[in-house]
C-alpha cells in the first residue's frame, strides 16, 4: 500500500487512476501490476545529443572492403 501512495507523489493521481483502471480491465488486482503499468507509461528519458565538432567530422566515408583484411592474413601454401 505504501508503494501505491508513493506512486501518487511521483506520477500523480490521474496517472495512478488510469493504471488502476487498466489493471482492473485486465482482471488483475495487484499493486505490483499497477506499478508496472505506471512504469511502462512513463516516457523514456531524453538523451542529450552531443554536437560533433567540425574538426572531428569524417571527410572521407569508410568503405567496407573485406578483401583488405584478407590481404593481411599470412599466405599459407598447400601441403
N, C-alpha and C. Protein backbone atom coordinates (compact mmCIF):
# COMPACT_ATOMS: atom_id res chain seq x y z
N UNK A 1 0.82 -1.19 0.00
CA UNK A 1 0.00 0.00 0.00
C UNK A 1 0.86 1.25 0.00
N UNK A 2 1.98 1.20 0.70
CA UNK A 2 2.86 2.36 0.76
C UNK A 2 3.44 2.67 -0.62
N UNK A 3 3.73 1.62 -1.40
CA UNK A 3 4.27 1.83 -2.75
C UNK A 3 3.27 2.61 -3.60
N UNK A 4 2.02 2.26 -3.49
CA UNK A 4 0.98 2.93 -4.27
C UNK A 4 0.87 4.39 -3.86
N UNK A 5 0.93 4.66 -2.58
CA UNK A 5 0.84 6.05 -2.11
C UNK A 5 2.06 6.86 -2.56
N UNK A 6 3.20 6.22 -2.61
CA UNK A 6 4.40 6.90 -3.11
C UNK A 6 4.27 7.19 -4.60
N UNK A 7 3.63 6.29 -5.32
CA UNK A 7 3.44 6.49 -6.76
C UNK A 7 2.58 7.70 -7.04
N UNK A 8 1.68 8.03 -6.13
CA UNK A 8 0.84 9.22 -6.30
C UNK A 8 1.72 10.46 -6.32
N UNK A 9 2.72 10.49 -5.45
CA UNK A 9 3.59 11.66 -5.38
C UNK A 9 4.49 11.75 -6.62
N UNK A 10 4.87 10.60 -7.17
CA UNK A 10 5.78 10.60 -8.32
C UNK A 10 5.02 10.82 -9.62
N UNK A 11 3.96 10.06 -9.84
CA UNK A 11 3.26 10.06 -11.12
C UNK A 11 1.99 10.90 -11.13
N UNK A 12 1.42 11.15 -9.98
CA UNK A 12 0.18 11.91 -9.93
C UNK A 12 -1.02 10.99 -9.80
N UNK A 13 -2.08 11.54 -9.27
CA UNK A 13 -3.29 10.75 -9.01
C UNK A 13 -3.98 10.31 -10.30
N UNK A 14 -3.96 11.17 -11.33
CA UNK A 14 -4.62 10.80 -12.58
C UNK A 14 -3.93 9.61 -13.25
N UNK A 15 -2.61 9.61 -13.24
CA UNK A 15 -1.87 8.50 -13.85
C UNK A 15 -2.10 7.21 -13.06
N UNK A 16 -2.14 7.32 -11.75
CA UNK A 16 -2.39 6.14 -10.92
C UNK A 16 -3.79 5.60 -11.15
N UNK A 17 -4.75 6.48 -11.28
CA UNK A 17 -6.12 6.05 -11.54
C UNK A 17 -6.22 5.35 -12.90
N UNK A 18 -5.54 5.90 -13.90
CA UNK A 18 -5.56 5.28 -15.23
C UNK A 18 -4.90 3.91 -15.20
N UNK A 19 -3.81 3.78 -14.46
CA UNK A 19 -3.13 2.48 -14.36
C UNK A 19 -3.99 1.47 -13.62
N UNK A 20 -4.66 1.90 -12.56
CA UNK A 20 -5.54 1.01 -11.81
C UNK A 20 -6.72 0.58 -12.67
N UNK A 21 -7.25 1.50 -13.46
CA UNK A 21 -8.36 1.17 -14.35
C UNK A 21 -7.92 0.14 -15.39
N UNK A 22 -6.71 0.33 -15.92
CA UNK A 22 -6.19 -0.64 -16.91
C UNK A 22 -5.99 -2.01 -16.29
N UNK A 23 -5.47 -2.04 -15.07
CA UNK A 23 -5.27 -3.32 -14.38
C UNK A 23 -6.60 -4.01 -14.11
N UNK A 24 -7.59 -3.26 -13.67
CA UNK A 24 -8.91 -3.83 -13.40
C UNK A 24 -9.56 -4.33 -14.68
N UNK A 25 -9.33 -3.63 -15.79
CA UNK A 25 -9.89 -4.07 -17.08
C UNK A 25 -9.29 -5.40 -17.50
N UNK A 26 -8.05 -5.66 -17.07
CA UNK A 26 -7.40 -6.93 -17.38
C UNK A 26 -7.75 -8.01 -16.36
N UNK A 27 -8.49 -7.63 -15.32
CA UNK A 27 -8.90 -8.58 -14.31
C UNK A 27 -7.82 -8.87 -13.28
N UNK A 28 -6.89 -7.94 -13.12
CA UNK A 28 -5.78 -8.13 -12.18
C UNK A 28 -5.89 -7.08 -11.08
N UNK A 29 -5.78 -7.52 -9.84
CA UNK A 29 -5.89 -6.57 -8.73
C UNK A 29 -4.64 -6.66 -7.85
N UNK A 30 -3.51 -6.36 -8.45
CA UNK A 30 -2.25 -6.41 -7.72
C UNK A 30 -1.57 -5.05 -7.78
N UNK A 31 -1.04 -4.61 -6.64
CA UNK A 31 -0.35 -3.33 -6.60
C UNK A 31 0.89 -3.35 -7.49
N UNK A 32 1.56 -4.49 -7.56
CA UNK A 32 2.74 -4.59 -8.39
C UNK A 32 2.40 -4.41 -9.87
N UNK A 33 1.26 -4.91 -10.29
CA UNK A 33 0.84 -4.76 -11.68
C UNK A 33 0.54 -3.30 -11.97
N UNK A 34 -0.11 -2.63 -11.06
CA UNK A 34 -0.42 -1.21 -11.24
C UNK A 34 0.87 -0.41 -11.33
N UNK A 35 1.83 -0.72 -10.47
CA UNK A 35 3.12 -0.01 -10.52
C UNK A 35 3.86 -0.30 -11.82
N UNK A 36 3.74 -1.52 -12.31
CA UNK A 36 4.37 -1.88 -13.59
C UNK A 36 3.74 -1.09 -14.73
N UNK A 37 2.44 -0.97 -14.73
CA UNK A 37 1.75 -0.20 -15.77
C UNK A 37 2.18 1.26 -15.69
N UNK A 38 2.31 1.79 -14.48
CA UNK A 38 2.78 3.17 -14.32
C UNK A 38 4.18 3.34 -14.87
N UNK A 39 5.06 2.40 -14.58
CA UNK A 39 6.44 2.49 -15.05
C UNK A 39 6.51 2.44 -16.57
N UNK A 40 5.68 1.59 -17.18
CA UNK A 40 5.68 1.49 -18.64
C UNK A 40 5.08 2.72 -19.30
N UNK A 41 4.21 3.44 -18.59
CA UNK A 41 3.56 4.60 -19.18
C UNK A 41 4.45 5.84 -19.16
N UNK A 42 5.50 5.82 -18.33
CA UNK A 42 6.42 6.96 -18.30
C UNK A 42 7.18 7.03 -19.62
N UNK A 43 7.44 8.22 -20.05
CA UNK A 43 8.21 8.36 -21.28
C UNK A 43 9.69 8.08 -20.98
N UNK A 44 10.38 7.62 -21.99
CA UNK A 44 11.80 7.31 -21.83
C UNK A 44 12.57 8.61 -21.61
N UNK A 45 13.60 8.57 -20.80
CA UNK A 45 14.37 9.79 -20.57
C UNK A 45 15.03 10.25 -21.87
N UNK A 46 15.05 11.53 -22.07
CA UNK A 46 15.62 12.10 -23.28
C UNK A 46 17.14 12.14 -23.12
N UNK A 47 17.82 11.53 -24.06
CA UNK A 47 19.28 11.51 -24.03
C UNK A 47 19.77 12.78 -24.73
N UNK A 48 20.55 13.59 -24.04
CA UNK A 48 21.02 14.80 -24.70
C UNK A 48 21.97 14.45 -25.84
N UNK A 49 21.79 15.12 -26.95
CA UNK A 49 22.67 14.86 -28.08
C UNK A 49 23.90 15.76 -27.97
N UNK A 50 25.01 15.21 -28.37
CA UNK A 50 26.26 15.94 -28.32
C UNK A 50 26.64 16.31 -29.74
N UNK A 51 26.84 17.59 -29.96
CA UNK A 51 27.22 18.06 -31.30
C UNK A 51 28.67 17.70 -31.56
N UNK A 52 28.92 17.12 -32.73
CA UNK A 52 30.28 16.75 -33.11
C UNK A 52 30.98 17.99 -33.66
N UNK A 53 32.15 18.32 -33.11
CA UNK A 53 32.88 19.47 -33.64
C UNK A 53 33.29 19.23 -35.10
N UNK A 54 33.39 20.29 -35.86
CA UNK A 54 33.70 20.17 -37.28
C UNK A 54 35.03 19.48 -37.54
N UNK A 55 36.02 19.70 -36.68
CA UNK A 55 37.33 19.10 -36.93
C UNK A 55 37.34 17.59 -36.66
N UNK A 56 36.28 17.07 -36.06
CA UNK A 56 36.19 15.63 -35.82
C UNK A 56 35.28 14.91 -36.81
N UNK A 57 34.66 15.63 -37.70
CA UNK A 57 33.76 15.01 -38.68
C UNK A 57 34.57 14.29 -39.76
N UNK A 58 34.02 13.20 -40.28
CA UNK A 58 34.68 12.45 -41.34
C UNK A 58 34.66 13.24 -42.64
N UNK A 59 35.79 13.26 -43.31
CA UNK A 59 35.81 13.90 -44.63
C UNK A 59 35.68 12.84 -45.72
N UNK A 60 36.18 11.63 -45.43
CA UNK A 60 36.06 10.51 -46.37
C UNK A 60 35.33 9.39 -45.64
N UNK A 61 34.20 8.97 -46.17
CA UNK A 61 33.43 7.90 -45.55
C UNK A 61 34.18 6.58 -45.70
N UNK A 62 34.21 5.75 -44.65
CA UNK A 62 34.89 4.46 -44.76
C UNK A 62 34.14 3.53 -45.71
N UNK A 63 34.91 2.69 -46.39
CA UNK A 63 34.33 1.74 -47.35
C UNK A 63 34.51 0.33 -46.78
N UNK A 64 33.44 -0.43 -46.80
CA UNK A 64 33.52 -1.82 -46.32
C UNK A 64 34.19 -2.66 -47.41
N UNK A 65 35.36 -3.18 -47.10
CA UNK A 65 36.10 -3.99 -48.06
C UNK A 65 36.76 -5.14 -47.31
N UNK A 66 36.13 -6.30 -47.29
CA UNK A 66 36.65 -7.45 -46.57
C UNK A 66 37.94 -7.96 -47.19
N UNK A 67 38.16 -7.69 -48.45
CA UNK A 67 39.38 -8.13 -49.12
C UNK A 67 40.62 -7.51 -48.51
N UNK A 68 40.51 -6.31 -47.99
CA UNK A 68 41.67 -5.67 -47.34
C UNK A 68 42.12 -6.49 -46.15
N UNK A 69 41.20 -7.03 -45.41
CA UNK A 69 41.55 -7.84 -44.24
C UNK A 69 42.14 -9.17 -44.66
N UNK A 70 41.64 -9.73 -45.75
CA UNK A 70 42.19 -10.99 -46.24
C UNK A 70 43.65 -10.83 -46.65
N UNK A 71 44.02 -9.68 -47.17
CA UNK A 71 45.40 -9.43 -47.59
C UNK A 71 46.34 -9.34 -46.38
N UNK A 72 45.82 -9.09 -45.20
CA UNK A 72 46.65 -9.02 -44.01
C UNK A 72 47.00 -10.40 -43.45
N UNK A 73 46.25 -11.42 -43.84
CA UNK A 73 46.50 -12.77 -43.36
C UNK A 73 47.75 -13.33 -44.01
N UNK A 74 48.51 -14.14 -43.25
CA UNK A 74 49.71 -14.73 -43.87
C UNK A 74 49.31 -15.72 -44.97
N UNK A 75 50.14 -15.80 -45.96
CA UNK A 75 49.86 -16.71 -47.09
C UNK A 75 50.26 -18.12 -46.67
N UNK A 76 49.34 -19.05 -46.81
CA UNK A 76 49.62 -20.45 -46.46
C UNK A 76 49.70 -21.27 -47.74
N UNK A 77 50.75 -21.99 -47.86
CA UNK A 77 50.92 -22.83 -49.04
C UNK A 77 50.30 -24.20 -48.78
N UNK A 78 49.68 -24.72 -49.79
CA UNK A 78 49.07 -26.05 -49.67
C UNK A 78 50.15 -27.09 -49.50
N UNK A 79 49.90 -28.08 -48.68
CA UNK A 79 50.92 -29.12 -48.42
C UNK A 79 50.91 -30.20 -49.45
